[in-house]
């Protein structure tokens, strides 16, 4: 999720919902779409990113990225598309 509308390469502003935050309050989702991230191997698209203007930093779900077979390298926080099957299977 992000507060930065300029990150979106595609944004559906008709998608509205709410997200519960750490203190138990709910904040409004004002859209959903795709953002582009630069990586060593070129631009990568992350889909289904929530647009939430009320938050003050971008939040990334490592669990959701793993579900999409995306690997997160934490040396410099770079996203790389991976064809690796999870060893948990």
C-alpha atoms as a PDB file:
ATOM      1  CA  UNK A   1       0.000   0.000   0.000  1.00  0.00           C
ATOM      2  CA  UNK A   2       1.143   3.513  -0.725  1.00  0.00           C
ATOM      3  CA  UNK A   3       0.111   7.111  -0.183  1.00  0.00           C
ATOM      4  CA  UNK A   4       1.955   8.271  -3.337  1.00  0.00           C
ATOM      5  CA  UNK A   5      -0.433   8.466  -6.291  1.00  0.00           C
ATOM      6  CA  UNK A   6       2.494   9.199  -8.629  1.00  0.00           C
ATOM      7  CA  UNK A   7       3.870   5.656  -8.133  1.00  0.00           C
ATOM      8  CA  UNK A   8       0.923   4.118  -9.997  1.00  0.00           C
ATOM      9  CA  UNK A   9       1.182   3.196 -13.656  1.00  0.00           C
ATOM     10  CA  UNK A  10      -2.482   2.144 -13.486  1.00  0.00           C
ATOM     11  CA  UNK A  11      -4.969   3.191 -10.792  1.00  0.00           C
ATOM     12  CA  UNK A  12      -8.649   2.284 -10.387  1.00  0.00           C
ATOM     13  CA  UNK A  13     -10.105   5.059  -8.209  1.00  0.00           C
ATOM     14  CA  UNK A  14     -13.507   3.337  -8.079  1.00  0.00           C
ATOM     15  CA  UNK A  15     -12.193   0.691  -5.614  1.00  0.00           C
ATOM     16  CA  UNK A  16     -13.112   1.688  -2.056  1.00  0.00           C
ATOM     17  CA  UNK A  17     -12.641  -0.291   1.140  1.00  0.00           C
ATOM     18  CA  UNK A  18     -11.051   0.078   4.569  1.00  0.00           C
ATOM     19  CA  UNK A  19      -7.859  -1.291   6.130  1.00  0.00           C
ATOM     20  CA  UNK A  20      -7.334  -1.833   9.845  1.00  0.00           C
ATOM     21  CA  UNK A  21      -4.124  -0.323  11.182  1.00  0.00           C
ATOM     22  CA  UNK A  22      -2.023  -1.209  14.234  1.00  0.00           C
ATOM     23  CA  UNK A  23      -4.015   0.808  16.764  1.00  0.00           C
ATOM     24  CA  UNK A  24      -7.274  -0.866  15.681  1.00  0.00           C
ATOM     25  CA  UNK A  25      -8.587   2.104  13.702  1.00  0.00           C
ATOM     26  CA  UNK A  26      -9.701   1.816  10.081  1.00  0.00           C
ATOM     27  CA  UNK A  27      -8.477   4.017   7.249  1.00  0.00           C
ATOM     28  CA  UNK A  28     -10.011   4.360   3.809  1.00  0.00           C
ATOM     29  CA  UNK A  29      -8.640   2.800   0.637  1.00  0.00           C
ATOM     30  CA  UNK A  30      -9.141   5.250  -2.241  1.00  0.00           C
ATOM     31  CA  UNK A  31      -8.095   2.962  -5.095  1.00  0.00           C
ATOM     32  CA  UNK A  32      -6.130  -0.069  -6.259  1.00  0.00           C
ATOM     33  CA  UNK A  33      -3.670  -0.526  -9.091  1.00  0.00           C
ATOM     34  CA  UNK A  34      -0.215  -1.348 -10.411  1.00  0.00           C
ATOM     35  CA  UNK A  35       3.083   0.302  -9.526  1.00  0.00           C
ATOM     36  CA  UNK A  36       6.448   0.023 -11.299  1.00  0.00           C
ATOM     37  CA  UNK A  37       9.625  -0.695  -9.336  1.00  0.00           C
ATOM     38  CA  UNK A  38      13.126  -0.394 -10.815  1.00  0.00           C
ATOM     39  CA  UNK A  39      15.360  -3.440 -10.340  1.00  0.00           C
ATOM     40  CA  UNK A  40      18.721  -4.593 -11.702  1.00  0.00           C
ATOM     41  CA  UNK A  41      16.881  -6.575 -14.356  1.00  0.00           C
ATOM     42  CA  UNK A  42      14.553  -3.733 -15.390  1.00  0.00           C
ATOM     43  CA  UNK A  43      11.164  -2.436 -14.330  1.00  0.00           C
ATOM     44  CA  UNK A  44       8.929  -4.804 -12.387  1.00  0.00           C
ATOM     45  CA  UNK A  45       5.202  -4.357 -11.904  1.00  0.00           C
ATOM     46  CA  UNK A  46       3.546  -5.004  -8.557  1.00  0.00           C
ATOM     47  CA  UNK A  47      -0.206  -5.444  -8.976  1.00  0.00           C
ATOM     48  CA  UNK A  48      -3.111  -4.921  -6.585  1.00  0.00           C
ATOM     49  CA  UNK A  49      -1.381  -2.149  -4.626  1.00  0.00           C
ATOM     50  CA  UNK A  50      -3.770  -0.196  -2.411  1.00  0.00           C
ATOM     51  CA  UNK A  51      -3.848   3.606  -2.658  1.00  0.00           C
ATOM     52  CA  UNK A  52      -4.267   5.019   0.873  1.00  0.00           C
ATOM     53  CA  UNK A  53      -3.554   8.761   1.077  1.00  0.00           C
ATOM     54  CA  UNK A  54      -3.786   8.788   4.904  1.00  0.00           C
ATOM     55  CA  UNK A  55      -0.660   6.685   5.511  1.00  0.00           C
ATOM     56  CA  UNK A  56       2.725   8.402   5.709  1.00  0.00           C
ATOM     57  CA  UNK A  57       4.953   5.612   4.364  1.00  0.00           C
ATOM     58  CA  UNK A  58       4.779   2.793   1.836  1.00  0.00           C
ATOM     59  CA  UNK A  59       4.096  -0.699   3.175  1.00  0.00           C
ATOM     60  CA  UNK A  60       5.106  -3.900   1.418  1.00  0.00           C
ATOM     61  CA  UNK A  61       3.846  -7.388   2.305  1.00  0.00           C
ATOM     62  CA  UNK A  62       6.670  -9.909   1.951  1.00  0.00           C
ATOM     63  CA  UNK A  63       4.139 -12.728   2.397  1.00  0.00           C
ATOM     64  CA  UNK A  64       2.044 -11.519  -0.541  1.00  0.00           C
ATOM     65  CA  UNK A  65       5.147 -11.209  -2.728  1.00  0.00           C
ATOM     66  CA  UNK A  66       6.137 -14.789  -1.897  1.00  0.00           C
ATOM     67  CA  UNK A  67       2.644 -15.994  -2.818  1.00  0.00           C
ATOM     68  CA  UNK A  68       3.288 -14.508  -6.277  1.00  0.00           C
ATOM     69  CA  UNK A  69       6.682 -16.248  -6.614  1.00  0.00           C
ATOM     70  CA  UNK A  70       8.526 -12.945  -6.222  1.00  0.00           C
ATOM     71  CA  UNK A  71      11.800 -12.957  -4.324  1.00  0.00           C
ATOM     72  CA  UNK A  72      12.865 -10.003  -2.175  1.00  0.00           C
ATOM     73  CA  UNK A  73      16.614  -9.489  -1.856  1.00  0.00           C
ATOM     74  CA  UNK A  74      17.244  -7.540   1.310  1.00  0.00           C
ATOM     75  CA  UNK A  75      20.815  -6.383   0.726  1.00  0.00           C
ATOM     76  CA  UNK A  76      19.454  -3.247  -0.940  1.00  0.00           C
ATOM     77  CA  UNK A  77      15.729  -4.116  -0.963  1.00  0.00           C
ATOM     78  CA  UNK A  78      15.465  -5.007  -4.660  1.00  0.00           C
ATOM     79  CA  UNK A  79      12.598  -6.932  -6.174  1.00  0.00           C
ATOM     80  CA  UNK A  80      13.430  -9.741  -8.575  1.00  0.00           C
ATOM     81  CA  UNK A  81      10.893 -11.984 -10.297  1.00  0.00           C
ATOM     82  CA  UNK A  82      11.727 -15.570  -9.467  1.00  0.00           C
ATOM     83  CA  UNK A  83      10.738 -18.960 -10.840  1.00  0.00           C
ATOM     84  CA  UNK A  84      11.815 -20.706  -7.641  1.00  0.00           C
ATOM     85  CA  UNK A  85       9.297 -23.000  -5.979  1.00  0.00           C
ATOM     86  CA  UNK A  86       9.025 -22.553  -2.227  1.00  0.00           C
ATOM     87  CA  UNK A  87      10.872 -25.272  -0.330  1.00  0.00           C
ATOM     88  CA  UNK A  88       7.943 -25.544   2.049  1.00  0.00           C
ATOM     89  CA  UNK A  89       5.982 -27.725  -0.381  1.00  0.00           C
END
